[in-house]
N, C-alpha and C. Protein backbone atom coordinates (compact mmCIF):
# COMPACT_ATOMS: atom_id res chain seq x y z
N MET A 1 38.29 -8.62 -21.45
CA MET A 1 37.46 -9.83 -21.39
C MET A 1 36.41 -9.71 -20.18
N SER A 2 35.23 -9.91 -20.38
CA SER A 2 34.23 -9.94 -19.33
C SER A 2 34.14 -11.14 -18.55
N ALA A 3 33.88 -10.99 -17.31
CA ALA A 3 33.69 -12.13 -16.42
C ALA A 3 32.34 -12.82 -16.75
N PRO A 4 32.23 -14.17 -16.38
CA PRO A 4 30.84 -14.75 -16.58
C PRO A 4 29.98 -14.46 -15.43
N TRP A 5 29.46 -13.41 -15.44
CA TRP A 5 28.68 -12.82 -14.25
C TRP A 5 27.54 -13.80 -13.91
N LEU A 6 26.71 -14.14 -14.82
CA LEU A 6 25.59 -15.13 -14.39
C LEU A 6 26.03 -16.43 -13.79
N THR A 7 27.19 -16.96 -14.30
CA THR A 7 27.71 -18.06 -13.66
C THR A 7 28.18 -17.84 -12.23
N LEU A 8 28.88 -16.74 -12.08
CA LEU A 8 29.32 -16.33 -10.70
C LEU A 8 28.13 -16.10 -9.79
N LEU A 9 26.95 -15.78 -10.29
CA LEU A 9 25.76 -15.44 -9.52
C LEU A 9 25.39 -16.62 -8.80
N TRP A 10 25.52 -17.83 -9.51
CA TRP A 10 24.98 -19.10 -8.75
C TRP A 10 26.15 -19.77 -8.30
N ALA A 11 27.47 -19.68 -8.74
CA ALA A 11 28.49 -20.32 -8.26
C ALA A 11 29.03 -19.93 -6.93
N VAL A 12 29.00 -18.61 -6.72
CA VAL A 12 29.49 -18.10 -5.44
C VAL A 12 28.68 -18.60 -4.24
N PRO A 13 27.40 -18.59 -4.25
CA PRO A 13 26.70 -19.22 -3.18
C PRO A 13 26.92 -20.74 -3.01
N ALA A 14 27.05 -21.39 -4.16
CA ALA A 14 27.30 -22.82 -4.21
C ALA A 14 28.63 -23.12 -3.54
N VAL A 15 29.69 -22.42 -3.79
CA VAL A 15 30.97 -22.61 -3.25
C VAL A 15 30.94 -22.17 -1.75
N GLY A 16 30.25 -21.12 -1.48
CA GLY A 16 30.04 -20.72 -0.12
C GLY A 16 29.39 -21.77 0.82
N ALA A 17 28.33 -22.55 0.21
CA ALA A 17 27.60 -23.49 0.95
C ALA A 17 28.59 -24.76 1.17
N VAL A 18 29.42 -25.09 0.24
CA VAL A 18 30.30 -26.20 0.48
C VAL A 18 31.31 -25.81 1.53
N ALA A 19 31.83 -24.60 1.45
CA ALA A 19 32.96 -24.25 2.39
C ALA A 19 32.24 -24.08 3.88
N ALA A 20 31.06 -23.50 3.77
CA ALA A 20 30.40 -23.45 5.12
C ALA A 20 30.07 -24.87 5.74
N ALA A 21 29.73 -25.75 4.87
CA ALA A 21 29.45 -27.08 5.49
C ALA A 21 30.77 -27.77 6.01
N ALA A 22 31.89 -27.43 5.36
CA ALA A 22 33.20 -28.14 5.88
C ALA A 22 33.84 -27.24 7.01
N ALA A 23 33.32 -26.05 7.37
CA ALA A 23 33.89 -25.27 8.31
C ALA A 23 33.29 -25.54 9.75
N ALA A 24 33.87 -25.02 10.70
CA ALA A 24 33.25 -24.98 12.06
C ALA A 24 32.02 -24.24 12.14
N PRO A 25 31.12 -24.41 13.05
CA PRO A 25 29.85 -23.71 13.07
C PRO A 25 30.01 -22.17 13.24
N ARG A 26 30.85 -21.81 13.99
CA ARG A 26 31.12 -20.34 14.26
C ARG A 26 31.63 -19.61 12.88
N ALA A 27 32.50 -20.43 12.13
CA ALA A 27 33.13 -19.88 10.88
C ALA A 27 32.01 -19.94 9.78
N ALA A 28 31.20 -21.04 9.88
CA ALA A 28 30.34 -21.21 8.86
C ALA A 28 29.32 -20.10 8.62
N ARG A 29 28.92 -19.42 9.80
CA ARG A 29 28.14 -18.30 9.61
C ARG A 29 28.60 -17.12 8.88
N TRP A 30 30.00 -16.90 9.13
CA TRP A 30 30.66 -15.85 8.42
C TRP A 30 30.89 -16.18 7.03
N ILE A 31 31.13 -17.45 6.74
CA ILE A 31 31.39 -17.82 5.20
C ILE A 31 30.09 -17.74 4.56
N GLY A 32 29.02 -18.01 5.14
CA GLY A 32 27.67 -17.95 4.44
C GLY A 32 27.31 -16.51 4.26
N LEU A 33 27.54 -15.60 5.32
CA LEU A 33 27.26 -14.16 5.27
C LEU A 33 28.07 -13.58 4.07
N LEU A 34 29.31 -14.00 4.09
CA LEU A 34 30.28 -13.43 3.05
C LEU A 34 29.77 -13.85 1.60
N ALA A 35 29.61 -15.18 1.44
CA ALA A 35 29.05 -15.65 0.08
C ALA A 35 27.79 -14.92 -0.23
N SER A 36 26.85 -14.75 0.70
CA SER A 36 25.50 -14.06 0.23
C SER A 36 25.82 -12.60 0.07
N ALA A 37 26.75 -11.99 0.59
CA ALA A 37 26.88 -10.57 0.32
C ALA A 37 27.63 -10.32 -0.99
N VAL A 38 28.48 -11.35 -1.46
CA VAL A 38 29.18 -11.29 -2.68
C VAL A 38 28.13 -11.48 -3.84
N ALA A 39 27.23 -12.53 -3.54
CA ALA A 39 26.19 -12.85 -4.50
C ALA A 39 25.31 -11.58 -4.67
N LEU A 40 24.91 -11.00 -3.57
CA LEU A 40 23.98 -9.82 -3.64
C LEU A 40 24.71 -8.75 -4.48
N ALA A 41 26.00 -8.43 -4.06
CA ALA A 41 26.74 -7.38 -4.92
C ALA A 41 26.75 -7.70 -6.39
N ILE A 42 26.95 -8.99 -6.79
CA ILE A 42 26.97 -9.35 -8.17
C ILE A 42 25.65 -9.10 -8.77
N GLY A 43 24.56 -9.59 -8.16
CA GLY A 43 23.19 -9.27 -8.58
C GLY A 43 22.90 -7.79 -8.64
N ILE A 44 23.24 -7.02 -7.85
CA ILE A 44 22.92 -5.55 -7.87
C ILE A 44 23.74 -4.98 -9.04
N GLY A 45 24.90 -5.43 -9.29
CA GLY A 45 25.67 -4.93 -10.40
C GLY A 45 25.14 -5.34 -11.71
N LEU A 46 24.70 -6.50 -11.79
CA LEU A 46 24.02 -7.04 -13.07
C LEU A 46 22.78 -6.21 -13.29
N ALA A 47 22.07 -5.92 -12.30
CA ALA A 47 20.73 -5.15 -12.47
C ALA A 47 21.11 -3.75 -12.83
N TRP A 48 22.15 -3.23 -12.28
CA TRP A 48 22.51 -1.76 -12.53
C TRP A 48 22.93 -1.67 -13.93
N ALA A 49 23.80 -2.68 -14.51
CA ALA A 49 24.30 -2.59 -15.83
C ALA A 49 23.47 -3.08 -16.89
N PHE A 50 22.14 -3.60 -16.55
CA PHE A 50 21.34 -4.07 -17.60
C PHE A 50 20.81 -3.05 -18.48
N ASP A 51 20.99 -3.22 -19.83
CA ASP A 51 20.58 -2.26 -20.82
C ASP A 51 19.11 -2.50 -21.26
N THR A 52 18.24 -1.65 -20.73
CA THR A 52 16.89 -1.77 -21.14
C THR A 52 16.66 -1.05 -22.49
N ALA A 53 17.44 -0.22 -22.98
CA ALA A 53 17.23 0.54 -24.20
C ALA A 53 17.99 -0.14 -25.38
N GLY A 54 18.73 -1.15 -25.23
CA GLY A 54 19.44 -1.86 -26.29
C GLY A 54 18.52 -2.57 -27.26
N ASP A 55 19.21 -3.02 -28.35
CA ASP A 55 18.36 -3.82 -29.30
C ASP A 55 18.15 -5.25 -28.72
N SER A 56 17.12 -5.85 -28.96
CA SER A 56 16.88 -7.17 -28.51
C SER A 56 17.27 -8.12 -29.66
N SER A 57 17.42 -9.30 -29.39
CA SER A 57 17.86 -10.38 -30.44
C SER A 57 16.71 -10.66 -31.30
N SER A 58 15.54 -10.27 -30.97
CA SER A 58 14.38 -10.66 -31.91
C SER A 58 13.58 -9.45 -32.12
N PRO A 59 13.10 -9.26 -33.37
CA PRO A 59 12.33 -8.12 -33.59
C PRO A 59 10.99 -8.04 -32.83
N ARG A 60 10.78 -7.00 -32.06
CA ARG A 60 9.50 -6.97 -31.31
C ARG A 60 8.82 -5.58 -31.65
N THR A 61 7.53 -5.74 -31.57
CA THR A 61 6.75 -4.51 -31.67
C THR A 61 6.83 -3.61 -30.36
N PRO A 62 6.46 -2.31 -30.63
CA PRO A 62 6.36 -1.59 -29.39
C PRO A 62 5.55 -2.07 -28.13
N SER A 63 4.52 -2.92 -28.51
CA SER A 63 3.81 -3.59 -27.43
C SER A 63 4.48 -4.77 -26.82
N GLY A 64 5.64 -5.26 -27.34
CA GLY A 64 6.41 -6.28 -26.75
C GLY A 64 6.18 -7.70 -27.44
N TYR A 65 5.29 -7.73 -28.47
CA TYR A 65 5.03 -9.04 -29.08
C TYR A 65 5.63 -9.08 -30.41
N ARG A 66 6.10 -10.23 -30.82
CA ARG A 66 6.64 -10.57 -32.08
C ARG A 66 5.64 -10.96 -33.11
N ARG A 67 5.82 -10.67 -34.33
CA ARG A 67 4.92 -11.00 -35.46
C ARG A 67 5.11 -12.50 -35.60
N SER A 68 4.04 -13.27 -35.86
CA SER A 68 4.16 -14.64 -36.13
C SER A 68 4.65 -14.83 -37.44
N ALA A 69 5.34 -15.95 -37.74
CA ALA A 69 6.02 -16.26 -39.01
C ALA A 69 4.94 -16.54 -40.04
N PRO A 70 4.94 -15.79 -41.15
CA PRO A 70 3.97 -16.13 -42.24
C PRO A 70 4.33 -17.44 -43.00
N GLY A 71 3.29 -18.05 -43.44
CA GLY A 71 3.50 -19.17 -44.18
C GLY A 71 4.00 -20.37 -43.50
N THR A 72 3.80 -20.54 -42.23
CA THR A 72 4.24 -21.77 -41.45
C THR A 72 3.37 -22.94 -41.81
N GLY A 73 2.14 -22.74 -42.33
CA GLY A 73 1.31 -23.94 -42.61
C GLY A 73 0.65 -24.33 -41.40
N SER A 74 0.74 -23.61 -40.22
CA SER A 74 0.12 -23.84 -39.06
C SER A 74 -1.36 -23.64 -39.09
N ARG A 75 -2.21 -24.46 -38.47
CA ARG A 75 -3.64 -24.26 -38.37
C ARG A 75 -3.96 -23.61 -37.01
N SER A 76 -3.09 -22.93 -36.52
CA SER A 76 -3.14 -22.34 -35.22
C SER A 76 -4.11 -21.19 -35.34
N THR A 77 -4.86 -20.96 -34.27
CA THR A 77 -5.78 -19.99 -34.11
C THR A 77 -5.21 -18.75 -33.40
N ALA A 78 -3.85 -18.71 -33.26
CA ALA A 78 -3.19 -17.55 -32.68
C ALA A 78 -3.28 -16.38 -33.52
N PRO A 79 -3.36 -15.33 -32.95
CA PRO A 79 -3.48 -14.06 -33.70
C PRO A 79 -2.16 -13.76 -34.42
N ALA A 80 -2.20 -12.72 -35.24
CA ALA A 80 -1.00 -12.34 -36.02
C ALA A 80 0.07 -11.91 -35.11
N TRP A 81 -0.26 -11.24 -34.02
CA TRP A 81 0.74 -10.71 -32.96
C TRP A 81 0.73 -11.87 -31.85
N CYS A 82 1.76 -12.64 -31.76
CA CYS A 82 1.80 -13.70 -30.75
C CYS A 82 2.92 -13.59 -29.85
N TRP A 83 2.73 -13.75 -28.50
CA TRP A 83 3.86 -13.56 -27.54
C TRP A 83 4.71 -14.70 -27.36
N CYS A 84 4.30 -15.88 -28.02
CA CYS A 84 5.13 -17.13 -27.77
C CYS A 84 5.99 -17.58 -28.95
N CYS A 85 5.75 -16.93 -30.14
CA CYS A 85 6.49 -17.49 -31.25
C CYS A 85 6.94 -16.33 -32.18
């Protein structure tokens, strides 16, 4: 089972901030440094493991745009290739 890495990416600094606020000033510096280092390590690990060649959840063209849905009845002036829909 995989760990919830994105949750840990924000939870570790949040827990570290609470712990640092409750600690003595000298210990708070080390707690903050440790929490920051762990969050940095998680972020680097996530960036390293990111799959740029994998399939995306939406069909995209080589230029990175998805084709607009045909027959939506929209009177939009958006081109057939739209980045937002």
